[in-house]
Amino acid sequence: MICRKGSPVVIKTSQIARNCERAVVTAYRELRGCGTADLRAFRSCTTLYRIHHPEASIDEARRLVSEWIDHHVVREDNGPTRGCDC
């Protein structure tokens, strides 16, 4: 749990198998929970993905990050996703 301006914000955790996917989704949720704008959180998570995978193009990183955010945050789906091999 983290706090935002005195009120608790609960961060959902799930069984995301990939380390980078888990890091991206957790970072996005925490950034949004602290009031960071959607686009800024997305860009930060794209950068985080590229730190984990410097070989990835910016377009590939944006595609995967947007798919993961849509899957785990928007649709709250717990099933597997496409992505890297880590």
Foldseek 3Di string as FASTA:
>chain_A
DDDAPHHDDDDDAAPAPDPLLRVLQRQLSVCVVNPHDNVVSLVVSLVSSCVVPVVDDSVLSSVVSVVSCCQCPVVVHRDDDDDDDD
